[in-house]
Amino acid sequence: MPSLEVFTEHMKKLQVLPSDEIVCYDTQGMFSVARAWFMFSHFGAHNVRILNGGLTKWNMEGRPLVGGDQVHLPEQKAELFTYKEAHPEKLYMDINKIHKASFAIGTGSSDH
């Protein structure tokens, strides 16, 4: 997972705002698209979707790859890139907590 600063820097270069409608897709089934969806969601983009069937299905249906007007944001609009980490404390978990929760589930205990 990149840092917030690195992620924001790349989104500025790609001109992808957290308020944009973002469609993630893969060419190999579900190889990495779920990770992309998670990353966008983690950094505060809430209108993120996964393309059902991926790019392969899209192409087989003869759908266009690019449509609409291409909009380029002027450099002074950098303040629109307000990505933020949703819940950084939930991104990583200590292995001991995972073991404790697994043990509690395996024994039927609710202490996890």
PDB file of N, CA and C in Angstrom:
ATOM      1  N   MET A   1       0.849  -1.173   0.000  1.00  0.00           N
ATOM      2  CA  MET A   1       0.000   0.000   0.000  1.00  0.00           C
ATOM      3  C   MET A   1       0.892   1.233   0.000  1.00  0.00           C
ATOM      4  N   PRO A   2       0.662   2.143  -0.927  1.00  0.00           N
ATOM      5  CA  PRO A   2       1.479   3.364  -0.921  1.00  0.00           C
ATOM      6  C   PRO A   2       1.070   4.282   0.229  1.00  0.00           C
ATOM      7  N   SER A   3       1.923   5.225   0.515  1.00  0.00           N
ATOM      8  CA  SER A   3       1.568   6.238   1.507  1.00  0.00           C
ATOM      9  C   SER A   3       0.514   7.156   0.889  1.00  0.00           C
ATOM     10  N   LEU A   4      -0.166   7.900   1.728  1.00  0.00           N
ATOM     11  CA  LEU A   4      -1.159   8.866   1.255  1.00  0.00           C
ATOM     12  C   LEU A   4      -0.520   9.863   0.296  1.00  0.00           C
ATOM     13  N   GLU A   5       0.688  10.312   0.615  1.00  0.00           N
ATOM     14  CA  GLU A   5       1.371  11.296  -0.216  1.00  0.00           C
ATOM     15  C   GLU A   5       1.691  10.735  -1.599  1.00  0.00           C
ATOM     16  N   VAL A   6       2.185   9.521  -1.662  1.00  0.00           N
ATOM     17  CA  VAL A   6       2.530   8.898  -2.947  1.00  0.00           C
ATOM     18  C   VAL A   6       1.261   8.654  -3.770  1.00  0.00           C
ATOM     19  N   PHE A   7       0.219   8.139  -3.125  1.00  0.00           N
ATOM     20  CA  PHE A   7      -1.041   7.891  -3.824  1.00  0.00           C
ATOM     21  C   PHE A   7      -1.593   9.193  -4.406  1.00  0.00           C
ATOM     22  N   THR A   8      -1.632  10.251  -3.593  1.00  0.00           N
ATOM     23  CA  THR A   8      -2.152  11.541  -4.048  1.00  0.00           C
ATOM     24  C   THR A   8      -1.327  12.092  -5.199  1.00  0.00           C
ATOM     25  N   GLU A   9      -0.021  11.957  -5.110  1.00  0.00           N
ATOM     26  CA  GLU A   9       0.857  12.433  -6.186  1.00  0.00           C
ATOM     27  C   GLU A   9       0.516  11.753  -7.510  1.00  0.00           C
ATOM     28  N   HIS A  10       0.308  10.446  -7.481  1.00  0.00           N
ATOM     29  CA  HIS A  10      -0.027   9.711  -8.708  1.00  0.00           C
ATOM     30  C   HIS A  10      -1.417  10.080  -9.220  1.00  0.00           C
ATOM     31  N   MET A  11      -2.362  10.285  -8.320  1.00  0.00           N
ATOM     32  CA  MET A  11      -3.709  10.664  -8.743  1.00  0.00           C
ATOM     33  C   MET A  11      -3.709  12.056  -9.373  1.00  0.00           C
ATOM     34  N   LYS A  12      -2.863  12.955  -8.874  1.00  0.00           N
ATOM     35  CA  LYS A  12      -2.727  14.278  -9.493  1.00  0.00           C
ATOM     36  C   LYS A  12      -2.198  14.152 -10.910  1.00  0.00           C
ATOM     37  N   LYS A  13      -1.186  13.308 -11.101  1.00  0.00           N
ATOM     38  CA  LYS A  13      -0.623  13.115 -12.439  1.00  0.00           C
ATOM     39  C   LYS A  13      -1.653  12.528 -13.394  1.00  0.00           C
ATOM     40  N   LEU A  14      -2.483  11.612 -12.891  1.00  0.00           N
ATOM     41  CA  LEU A  14      -3.520  10.991 -13.714  1.00  0.00           C
ATOM     42  C   LEU A  14      -4.794  11.831 -13.778  1.00  0.00           C
ATOM     43  N   GLN A  15      -4.862  12.874 -12.969  1.00  0.00           N
ATOM     44  CA  GLN A  15      -6.011  13.765 -12.861  1.00  0.00           C
ATOM     45  C   GLN A  15      -7.281  13.008 -12.475  1.00  0.00           C
ATOM     46  N   VAL A  16      -7.146  12.152 -11.471  1.00  0.00           N
ATOM     47  CA  VAL A  16      -8.281  11.399 -10.935  1.00  0.00           C
ATOM     48  C   VAL A  16      -8.620  11.992  -9.573  1.00  0.00           C
ATOM     49  N   LEU A  17      -9.785  12.584  -9.487  1.00  0.00           N
ATOM     50  CA  LEU A  17     -10.252  13.200  -8.245  1.00  0.00           C
ATOM     51  C   LEU A  17     -10.968  12.169  -7.379  1.00  0.00           C
ATOM     52  N   PRO A  18     -10.953  12.349  -6.057  1.00  0.00           N
ATOM     53  CA  PRO A  18     -11.678  11.413  -5.195  1.00  0.00           C
ATOM     54  C   PRO A  18     -13.186  11.452  -5.433  1.00  0.00           C
ATOM     55  N   SER A  19     -13.690  12.519  -6.026  1.00  0.00           N
ATOM     56  CA  SER A  19     -15.122  12.631  -6.315  1.00  0.00           C
ATOM     57  C   SER A  19     -15.500  12.049  -7.681  1.00  0.00           C
ATOM     58  N   ASP A  20     -14.521  11.640  -8.478  1.00  0.00           N
ATOM     59  CA  ASP A  20     -14.795  11.086  -9.807  1.00  0.00           C
ATOM     60  C   ASP A  20     -15.482   9.726  -9.714  1.00  0.00           C
ATOM     61  N   GLU A  21     -16.197   9.378 -10.771  1.00  0.00           N
ATOM     62  CA  GLU A  21     -16.699   8.015 -10.911  1.00  0.00           C
ATOM     63  C   GLU A  21     -15.536   7.196 -11.458  1.00  0.00           C
ATOM     64  N   ILE A  22     -15.096   6.215 -10.692  1.00  0.00           N
ATOM     65  CA  ILE A  22     -13.908   5.434 -11.034  1.00  0.00           C
ATOM     66  C   ILE A  22     -14.325   4.006 -11.302  1.00  0.00           C
ATOM     67  N   VAL A  23     -13.963   3.505 -12.475  1.00  0.00           N
ATOM     68  CA  VAL A  23     -14.266   2.123 -12.835  1.00  0.00           C
ATOM     69  C   VAL A  23     -12.948   1.372 -12.947  1.00  0.00           C
ATOM     70  N   CYS A  24     -12.793   0.354 -12.108  1.00  0.00           N
ATOM     71  CA  CYS A  24     -11.591  -0.481 -12.119  1.00  0.00           C
ATOM     72  C   CYS A  24     -11.889  -1.740 -12.924  1.00  0.00           C
ATOM     73  N   TYR A  25     -10.898  -2.210 -13.636  1.00  0.00           N
ATOM     74  CA  TYR A  25     -11.082  -3.432 -14.410  1.00  0.00           C
ATOM     75  C   TYR A  25      -9.764  -4.169 -14.501  1.00  0.00           C
ATOM     76  N   ASP A  26      -9.872  -5.411 -14.880  1.00  0.00           N
ATOM     77  CA  ASP A  26      -8.695  -6.264 -15.031  1.00  0.00           C
ATOM     78  C   ASP A  26      -8.784  -6.952 -16.379  1.00  0.00           C
ATOM     79  N   THR A  27      -7.674  -7.424 -16.864  1.00  0.00           N
ATOM     80  CA  THR A  27      -7.691  -8.196 -18.111  1.00  0.00           C
ATOM     81  C   THR A  27      -7.575  -9.689 -17.834  1.00  0.00           C
ATOM     82  N   GLN A  28      -7.305 -10.072 -16.596  1.00  0.00           N
ATOM     83  CA  GLN A  28      -7.123 -11.471 -16.217  1.00  0.00           C
ATOM     84  C   GLN A  28      -8.096 -11.866 -15.107  1.00  0.00           C
ATOM     85  N   GLY A  29      -9.376 -11.685 -15.305  1.00  0.00           N
ATOM     86  CA  GLY A  29     -10.337 -12.052 -14.273  1.00  0.00           C
ATOM     87  C   GLY A  29     -10.260 -11.103 -13.098  1.00  0.00           C
ATOM     88  N   MET A  30      -9.959 -11.634 -11.920  1.00  0.00           N
ATOM     89  CA  MET A  30      -9.875 -10.818 -10.697  1.00  0.00           C
ATOM     90  C   MET A  30      -8.435 -10.783 -10.181  1.00  0.00           C
ATOM     91  N   PHE A  31      -7.489 -10.623 -11.066  1.00  0.00           N
ATOM     92  CA  PHE A  31      -6.078 -10.689 -10.690  1.00  0.00           C
ATOM     93  C   PHE A  31      -5.677  -9.579  -9.721  1.00  0.00           C
ATOM     94  N   SER A  32      -5.950  -8.318 -10.046  1.00  0.00           N
ATOM     95  CA  SER A  32      -5.542  -7.224  -9.173  1.00  0.00           C
ATOM     96  C   SER A  32      -6.602  -6.143  -9.030  1.00  0.00           C
ATOM     97  N   VAL A  33      -7.728  -6.306  -9.668  1.00  0.00           N
ATOM     98  CA  VAL A  33      -8.747  -5.261  -9.655  1.00  0.00           C
ATOM     99  C   VAL A  33      -9.320  -5.026  -8.257  1.00  0.00           C
ATOM    100  N   ALA A  34      -9.452  -6.062  -7.465  1.00  0.00           N
ATOM    101  CA  ALA A  34      -9.978  -5.886  -6.108  1.00  0.00           C
ATOM    102  C   ALA A  34      -9.025  -5.039  -5.269  1.00  0.00           C
ATOM    103  N   ARG A  35      -7.737  -5.204  -5.483  1.00  0.00           N
ATOM    104  CA  ARG A  35      -6.749  -4.391  -4.771  1.00  0.00           C
ATOM    105  C   ARG A  35      -6.884  -2.920  -5.169  1.00  0.00           C
ATOM    106  N   ALA A  36      -7.086  -2.665  -6.455  1.00  0.00           N
ATOM    107  CA  ALA A  36      -7.265  -1.286  -6.917  1.00  0.00           C
ATOM    108  C   ALA A  36      -8.510  -0.677  -6.285  1.00  0.00           C
ATOM    109  N   TRP A  37      -9.614  -1.426  -6.286  1.00  0.00           N
ATOM    110  CA  TRP A  37     -10.851  -0.947  -5.660  1.00  0.00           C
ATOM    111  C   TRP A  37     -10.615  -0.631  -4.187  1.00  0.00           C
ATOM    112  N   PHE A  38      -9.943  -1.550  -3.478  1.00  0.00           N
ATOM    113  CA  PHE A  38      -9.679  -1.355  -2.054  1.00  0.00           C
ATOM    114  C   PHE A  38      -8.825  -0.113  -1.828  1.00  0.00           C
ATOM    115  N   MET A  39      -7.806   0.069  -2.652  1.00  0.00           N
ATOM    116  CA  MET A  39      -6.897   1.198  -2.478  1.00  0.00           C
ATOM    117  C   MET A  39      -7.636   2.519  -2.673  1.00  0.00           C
ATOM    118  N   PHE A  40      -8.432   2.624  -3.742  1.00  0.00           N
ATOM    119  CA  PHE A  40      -9.212   3.846  -3.949  1.00  0.00           C
ATOM    120  C   PHE A  40     -10.152   4.089  -2.771  1.00  0.00           C
ATOM    121  N   SER A  41     -10.837   3.049  -2.331  1.00  0.00           N
ATOM    122  CA  SER A  41     -11.777   3.177  -1.217  1.00  0.00           C
ATOM    123  C   SER A  41     -11.057   3.587   0.062  1.00  0.00           C
ATOM    124  N   HIS A  42      -9.911   2.986   0.307  1.00  0.00           N
ATOM    125  CA  HIS A  42      -9.132   3.302   1.509  1.00  0.00           C
ATOM    126  C   HIS A  42      -8.728   4.775   1.552  1.00  0.00           C
ATOM    127  N   PHE A  43      -8.436   5.332   0.378  1.00  0.00           N
ATOM    128  CA  PHE A  43      -7.992   6.723   0.332  1.00  0.00           C
ATOM    129  C   PHE A  43      -9.141   7.704   0.090  1.00  0.00           C
ATOM    130  N   GLY A  44     -10.378   7.261   0.289  1.00  0.00           N
ATOM    131  CA  GLY A  44     -11.504   8.185   0.331  1.00  0.00           C
ATOM    132  C   GLY A  44     -12.303   8.373  -0.933  1.00  0.00           C
ATOM    133  N   ALA A  45     -12.021   7.631  -1.994  1.00  0.00           N
ATOM    134  CA  ALA A  45     -12.859   7.698  -3.195  1.00  0.00           C
ATOM    135  C   ALA A  45     -14.052   6.768  -2.969  1.00  0.00           C
ATOM    136  N   HIS A  46     -15.260   7.314  -3.030  1.00  0.00           N
ATOM    137  CA  HIS A  46     -16.435   6.521  -2.669  1.00  0.00           C
ATOM    138  C   HIS A  46     -17.267   6.070  -3.858  1.00  0.00           C
ATOM    139  N   ASN A  47     -16.963   6.556  -5.040  1.00  0.00           N
ATOM    140  CA  ASN A  47     -17.723   6.181  -6.226  1.00  0.00           C
ATOM    141  C   ASN A  47     -16.848   5.289  -7.108  1.00  0.00           C
ATOM    142  N   VAL A  48     -16.461   4.137  -6.551  1.00  0.00           N
ATOM    143  CA  VAL A  48     -15.544   3.215  -7.221  1.00  0.00           C
ATOM    144  C   VAL A  48     -16.289   1.920  -7.535  1.00  0.00           C
ATOM    145  N   ARG A  49     -16.163   1.455  -8.745  1.00  0.00           N
ATOM    146  CA  ARG A  49     -16.838   0.230  -9.183  1.00  0.00           C
ATOM    147  C   ARG A  49     -15.837  -0.710  -9.825  1.00  0.00           C
ATOM    148  N   ILE A  50     -16.207  -1.997  -9.861  1.00  0.00           N
ATOM    149  CA  ILE A  50     -15.427  -3.004 -10.589  1.00  0.00           C
ATOM    150  C   ILE A  50     -16.247  -3.411 -11.808  1.00  0.00           C
ATOM    151  N   LEU A  51     -15.634  -3.365 -12.964  1.00  0.00           N
ATOM    152  CA  LEU A  51     -16.302  -3.694 -14.219  1.00  0.00           C
ATOM    153  C   LEU A  51     -16.586  -5.190 -14.276  1.00  0.00           C
ATOM    154  N   ASN A  52     -17.858  -5.548 -14.307  1.00  0.00           N
ATOM    155  CA  ASN A  52     -18.288  -6.945 -14.349  1.00  0.00           C
ATOM    156  C   ASN A  52     -17.781  -7.608 -15.634  1.00  0.00           C
ATOM    157  N   GLY A  53     -16.990  -8.642 -15.481  1.00  0.00           N
ATOM    158  CA  GLY A  53     -16.441  -9.338 -16.638  1.00  0.00           C
ATOM    159  C   GLY A  53     -15.120  -8.786 -17.118  1.00  0.00           C
ATOM    160  N   GLY A  54     -14.709  -7.680 -16.551  1.00  0.00           N
ATOM    161  CA  GLY A  54     -13.420  -7.100 -16.899  1.00  0.00           C
ATOM    162  C   GLY A  54     -13.346  -6.554 -18.312  1.00  0.00           C
ATOM    163  N   LEU A  55     -12.153  -6.179 -18.703  1.00  0.00           N
ATOM    164  CA  LEU A  55     -11.929  -5.600 -20.026  1.00  0.00           C
ATOM    165  C   LEU A  55     -12.187  -6.614 -21.131  1.00  0.00           C
ATOM    166  N   THR A  56     -11.936  -7.883 -20.864  1.00  0.00           N
ATOM    167  CA  THR A  56     -12.151  -8.914 -21.875  1.00  0.00           C
ATOM    168  C   THR A  56     -13.615  -8.945 -22.313  1.00  0.00           C
ATOM    169  N   LYS A  57     -14.538  -8.976 -21.361  1.00  0.00           N
ATOM    170  CA  LYS A  57     -15.969  -8.987 -21.684  1.00  0.00           C
ATOM    171  C   LYS A  57     -16.371  -7.686 -22.371  1.00  0.00           C
ATOM    172  N   TRP A  58     -15.866  -6.565 -21.865  1.00  0.00           N
ATOM    173  CA  TRP A  58     -16.169  -5.261 -22.443  1.00  0.00           C
ATOM    174  C   TRP A  58     -15.814  -5.235 -23.925  1.00  0.00           C
ATOM    175  N   ASN A  59     -14.615  -5.708 -24.260  1.00  0.00           N
ATOM    176  CA  ASN A  59     -14.167  -5.740 -25.652  1.00  0.00           C
ATOM    177  C   ASN A  59     -14.991  -6.715 -26.489  1.00  0.00           C
ATOM    178  N   MET A  60     -15.320  -7.889 -25.912  1.00  0.00           N
ATOM    179  CA  MET A  60     -16.115  -8.877 -26.644  1.00  0.00           C
ATOM    180  C   MET A  60     -17.495  -8.317 -27.003  1.00  0.00           C
ATOM    181  N   GLU A  61     -18.013  -7.438 -26.184  1.00  0.00           N
ATOM    182  CA  GLU A  61     -19.311  -6.817 -26.447  1.00  0.00           C
ATOM    183  C   GLU A  61     -19.200  -5.632 -27.406  1.00  0.00           C
ATOM    184  N   GLY A  62     -17.977  -5.319 -27.851  1.00  0.00           N
ATOM    185  CA  GLY A  62     -17.761  -4.245 -28.818  1.00  0.00           C
ATOM    186  C   GLY A  62     -17.977  -2.848 -28.259  1.00  0.00           C
ATOM    187  N   ARG A  63     -17.778  -2.698 -26.977  1.00  0.00           N
ATOM    188  CA  ARG A  63     -17.998  -1.393 -26.342  1.00  0.00           C
ATOM    189  C   ARG A  63     -16.782  -0.482 -26.543  1.00  0.00           C
ATOM    190  N   PRO A  64     -17.000   0.825 -26.539  1.00  0.00           N
ATOM    191  CA  PRO A  64     -15.876   1.758 -26.743  1.00  0.00           C
ATOM    192  C   PRO A  64     -14.955   1.790 -25.525  1.00  0.00           C
ATOM    193  N   LEU A  65     -13.679   2.042 -25.763  1.00  0.00           N
ATOM    194  CA  LEU A  65     -12.710   2.147 -24.678  1.00  0.00           C
ATOM    195  C   LEU A  65     -12.606   3.565 -24.140  1.00  0.00           C
ATOM    196  N   VAL A  66     -12.787   4.559 -24.982  1.00  0.00           N
ATOM    197  CA  VAL A  66     -12.711   5.951 -24.556  1.00  0.00           C
ATOM    198  C   VAL A  66     -13.933   6.658 -25.113  1.00  0.00           C
ATOM    199  N   GLY A  67     -14.586   7.416 -24.262  1.00  0.00           N
ATOM    200  CA  GLY A  67     -15.741   8.162 -24.714  1.00  0.00           C
ATOM    201  C   GLY A  67     -15.861   9.461 -23.959  1.00  0.00           C
ATOM    202  N   GLY A  68     -16.541  10.395 -24.543  1.00  0.00           N
ATOM    203  CA  GLY A  68     -16.736  11.674 -23.884  1.00  0.00           C
ATOM    204  C   GLY A  68     -15.532  12.579 -24.038  1.00  0.00           C
ATOM    205  N   ASP A  69     -15.683  13.758 -23.479  1.00  0.00           N
ATOM    206  CA  ASP A  69     -14.618  14.749 -23.559  1.00  0.00           C
ATOM    207  C   ASP A  69     -13.534  14.455 -22.526  1.00  0.00           C
ATOM    208  N   GLN A  70     -12.304  14.639 -22.930  1.00  0.00           N
ATOM    209  CA  GLN A  70     -11.186  14.529 -22.006  1.00  0.00           C
ATOM    210  C   GLN A  70     -11.000  15.891 -21.343  1.00  0.00           C
ATOM    211  N   VAL A  71     -11.058  15.915 -20.026  1.00  0.00           N
ATOM    212  CA  VAL A  71     -10.946  17.170 -19.291  1.00  0.00           C
ATOM    213  C   VAL A  71      -9.614  17.191 -18.561  1.00  0.00           C
ATOM    214  N   HIS A  72      -8.867  18.251 -18.731  1.00  0.00           N
ATOM    215  CA  HIS A  72      -7.593  18.400 -18.030  1.00  0.00           C
ATOM    216  C   HIS A  72      -7.728  19.546 -17.033  1.00  0.00           C
ATOM    217  N   LEU A  73      -7.427  19.248 -15.796  1.00  0.00           N
ATOM    218  CA  LEU A  73      -7.547  20.244 -14.738  1.00  0.00           C
ATOM    219  C   LEU A  73      -6.321  21.152 -14.731  1.00  0.00           C
ATOM    220  N   PRO A  74      -6.538  22.437 -14.608  1.00  0.00           N
ATOM    221  CA  PRO A  74      -5.379  23.329 -14.499  1.00  0.00           C
ATOM    222  C   PRO A  74      -4.620  23.069 -13.200  1.00  0.00           C
ATOM    223  N   GLU A  75      -3.366  23.396 -13.193  1.00  0.00           N
ATOM    224  CA  GLU A  75      -2.497  23.143 -12.042  1.00  0.00           C
ATOM    225  C   GLU A  75      -3.042  23.785 -10.760  1.00  0.00           C
ATOM    226  N   GLN A  76      -3.725  24.914 -10.866  1.00  0.00           N
ATOM    227  CA  GLN A  76      -4.221  25.580  -9.666  1.00  0.00           C
ATOM    228  C   GLN A  76      -5.380  24.838  -9.009  1.00  0.00           C
ATOM    229  N   LYS A  77      -5.867  23.788  -9.608  1.00  0.00           N
ATOM    230  CA  LYS A  77      -6.952  23.000  -9.026  1.00  0.00           C
ATOM    231  C   LYS A  77      -6.426  21.857  -8.163  1.00  0.00           C
ATOM    232  N   ALA A  78      -5.171  21.932  -7.761  1.00  0.00           N
ATOM    233  CA  ALA A  78      -4.551  20.873  -6.956  1.00  0.00           C
ATOM    234  C   ALA A  78      -5.282  20.661  -5.640  1.00  0.00           C
ATOM    235  N   GLU A  79      -5.961  21.690  -5.128  1.00  0.00           N
ATOM    236  CA  GLU A  79      -6.680  21.542  -3.856  1.00  0.00           C
ATOM    237  C   GLU A  79      -7.870  20.593  -3.959  1.00  0.00           C
ATOM    238  N   LEU A  80      -8.281  20.243  -5.167  1.00  0.00           N
ATOM    239  CA  LEU A  80      -9.390  19.301  -5.348  1.00  0.00           C
ATOM    240  C   LEU A  80      -8.977  17.861  -5.032  1.00  0.00           C
ATOM    241  N   PHE A  81      -7.679  17.604  -5.000  1.00  0.00           N
ATOM    242  CA  PHE A  81      -7.174  16.260  -4.739  1.00  0.00           C
ATOM    243  C   PHE A  81      -7.056  16.050  -3.239  1.00  0.00           C
ATOM    244  N   THR A  82      -8.176  15.909  -2.584  1.00  0.00           N
ATOM    245  CA  THR A  82      -8.226  15.798  -1.128  1.00  0.00           C
ATOM    246  C   THR A  82      -8.404  14.353  -0.698  1.00  0.00           C
ATOM    247  N   TYR A  83      -7.489  13.511  -1.117  1.00  0.00           N
ATOM    248  CA  TYR A  83      -7.524  12.120  -0.669  1.00  0.00           C
ATOM    249  C   TYR A  83      -7.131  12.072   0.797  1.00  0.00           C
ATOM    250  N   LYS A  84      -7.692  11.132   1.520  1.00  0.00           N
ATOM    251  CA  LYS A  84      -7.324  10.948   2.925  1.00  0.00           C
ATOM    252  C   LYS A  84      -7.544   9.483   3.270  1.00  0.00           C
ATOM    253  N   GLU A  85      -6.800   9.002   4.234  1.00  0.00           N
ATOM    254  CA  GLU A  85      -6.941   7.606   4.644  1.00  0.00           C
ATOM    255  C   GLU A  85      -8.212   7.451   5.468  1.00  0.00           C
ATOM    256  N   ALA A  86      -9.052   6.503   5.068  1.00  0.00           N
ATOM    257  CA  ALA A  86     -10.333   6.299   5.734  1.00  0.00           C
ATOM    258  C   ALA A  86     -10.133   5.811   7.171  1.00  0.00           C
ATOM    259  N   HIS A  87      -9.501   4.694   7.350  1.00  0.00           N
ATOM    260  CA  HIS A  87      -9.270   4.109   8.670  1.00  0.00           C
ATOM    261  C   HIS A  87      -7.906   3.428   8.674  1.00  0.00           C
ATOM    262  N   PRO A  88      -6.820   4.208   8.768  1.00  0.00           N
ATOM    263  CA  PRO A  88      -5.488   3.591   8.684  1.00  0.00           C
ATOM    264  C   PRO A  88      -5.246   2.529   9.754  1.00  0.00           C
ATOM    265  N   GLU A  89      -5.907   2.647  10.903  1.00  0.00           N
ATOM    266  CA  GLU A  89      -5.709   1.663  11.962  1.00  0.00           C
ATOM    267  C   GLU A  89      -6.310   0.305  11.611  1.00  0.00           C
ATOM    268  N   LYS A  90      -7.190   0.257  10.618  1.00  0.00           N
ATOM    269  CA  LYS A  90      -7.808  -1.005  10.203  1.00  0.00           C
ATOM    270  C   LYS A  90      -7.072  -1.660   9.037  1.00  0.00           C
ATOM    271  N   LEU A  91      -6.091  -0.976   8.500  1.00  0.00           N
ATOM    272  CA  LEU A  91      -5.387  -1.503   7.335  1.00  0.00           C
ATOM    273  C   LEU A  91      -4.480  -2.675   7.695  1.00  0.00           C
ATOM    274  N   TYR A  92      -3.839  -2.572   8.821  1.00  0.00           N
ATOM    275  CA  TYR A  92      -2.920  -3.618   9.248  1.00  0.00           C
ATOM    276  C   TYR A  92      -3.354  -4.128  10.614  1.00  0.00           C
ATOM    277  N   MET A  93      -3.135  -5.416  10.845  1.00  0.00           N
ATOM    278  CA  MET A  93      -3.492  -5.985  12.136  1.00  0.00           C
ATOM    279  C   MET A  93      -2.320  -6.820  12.638  1.00  0.00           C
ATOM    280  N   ASP A  94      -2.080  -6.738  13.920  1.00  0.00           N
ATOM    281  CA  ASP A  94      -1.031  -7.508  14.563  1.00  0.00           C
ATOM    282  C   ASP A  94      -1.347  -9.003  14.454  1.00  0.00           C
ATOM    283  N   ILE A  95      -0.358  -9.812  14.109  1.00  0.00           N
ATOM    284  CA  ILE A  95      -0.552 -11.253  13.931  1.00  0.00           C
ATOM    285  C   ILE A  95      -1.058 -11.914  15.209  1.00  0.00           C
ATOM    286  N   ASN A  96      -0.666 -11.409  16.363  1.00  0.00           N
ATOM    287  CA  ASN A  96      -1.143 -11.980  17.625  1.00  0.00           C
ATOM    288  C   ASN A  96      -2.647 -11.771  17.799  1.00  0.00           C
ATOM    289  N   LYS A  97      -3.165 -10.627  17.345  1.00  0.00           N
ATOM    290  CA  LYS A  97      -4.609 -10.381  17.398  1.00  0.00           C
ATOM    291  C   LYS A  97      -5.351 -11.331  16.453  1.00  0.00           C
ATOM    292  N   ILE A  98      -4.753 -11.603  15.310  1.00  0.00           N
ATOM    293  CA  ILE A  98      -5.368 -12.533  14.352  1.00  0.00           C
ATOM    294  C   ILE A  98      -5.420 -13.929  14.959  1.00  0.00           C
ATOM    295  N   HIS A  99      -4.318 -14.367  15.572  1.00  0.00           N
ATOM    296  CA  HIS A  99      -4.295 -15.689  16.208  1.00  0.00           C
ATOM    297  C   HIS A  99      -5.325 -15.777  17.329  1.00  0.00           C
ATOM    298  N   LYS A 100      -5.417 -14.737  18.134  1.00  0.00           N
ATOM    299  CA  LYS A 100      -6.375 -14.721  19.242  1.00  0.00           C
ATOM    300  C   LYS A 100      -7.804 -14.805  18.707  1.00  0.00           C
ATOM    301  N   ALA A 101      -8.121 -14.034  17.674  1.00  0.00           N
ATOM    302  CA  ALA A 101      -9.460 -14.060  17.087  1.00  0.00           C
ATOM    303  C   ALA A 101      -9.749 -15.422  16.467  1.00  0.00           C
ATOM    304  N   SER A 102      -8.775 -16.008  15.784  1.00  0.00           N
ATOM    305  CA  SER A 102      -8.957 -17.329  15.174  1.00  0.00           C
ATOM    306  C   SER A 102      -9.205 -18.387  16.233  1.00  0.00           C
ATOM    307  N   PHE A 103      -8.447 -18.335  17.308  1.00  0.00           N
ATOM    308  CA  PHE A 103      -8.626 -19.300  18.390  1.00  0.00           C
ATOM    309  C   PHE A 103     -10.009 -19.150  19.009  1.00  0.00           C
ATOM    310  N   ALA A 104     -10.421 -17.900  19.239  1.00  0.00           N
ATOM    311  CA  ALA A 104     -11.743 -17.643  19.846  1.00  0.00           C
ATOM    312  C   ALA A 104     -12.854 -18.158  18.941  1.00  0.00           C
ATOM    313  N   ILE A 105     -12.725 -17.968  17.656  1.00  0.00           N
ATOM    314  CA  ILE A 105     -13.740 -18.460  16.723  1.00  0.00           C
ATOM    315  C   ILE A 105     -13.765 -19.974  16.719  1.00  0.00           C
ATOM    316  N   GLY A 106     -12.586 -20.577  16.719  1.00  0.00           N
ATOM    317  CA  GLY A 106     -12.479 -22.057  16.710  1.00  0.00           C
ATOM    318  C   GLY A 106     -13.031 -22.717  17.954  1.00  0.00           C
ATOM    319  N   THR A 107     -12.993 -22.013  19.070  1.00  0.00           N
ATOM    320  CA  THR A 107     -13.496 -22.585  20.308  1.00  0.00           C
ATOM    321  C   THR A 107     -14.913 -22.151  20.640  1.00  0.00           C
ATOM    322  N   GLY A 108     -15.467 -21.271  19.789  1.00  0.00           N
ATOM    323  CA  GLY A 108     -16.825 -20.789  20.036  1.00  0.00           C
ATOM    324  C   GLY A 108     -16.897 -19.662  21.031  1.00  0.00           C
ATOM    325  N   SER A 109     -15.751 -19.152  21.442  1.00  0.00           N
ATOM    326  CA  SER A 109     -15.707 -18.048  22.413  1.00  0.00           C
ATOM    327  C   SER A 109     -16.044 -16.741  21.705  1.00  0.00           C
ATOM    328  N   SER A 110     -16.677 -15.842  22.406  1.00  0.00           N
ATOM    329  CA  SER A 110     -16.981 -14.527  21.836  1.00  0.00           C
ATOM    330  C   SER A 110     -15.944 -13.494  22.255  1.00  0.00           C
ATOM    331  N   ASP A 111     -14.859 -13.915  22.865  1.00  0.00           N
ATOM    332  CA  ASP A 111     -13.814 -13.011  23.344  1.00  0.00           C
ATOM    333  C   ASP A 111     -12.786 -12.768  22.245  1.00  0.00           C
ATOM    334  N   HIS A 112     -13.158 -11.948  21.234  1.00  0.00           N
ATOM    335  CA  HIS A 112     -12.226 -11.613  20.159  1.00  0.00           C
ATOM    336  C   HIS A 112     -12.427 -10.247  19.636  1.00  0.00           C
TER     337      HIS A 112
END
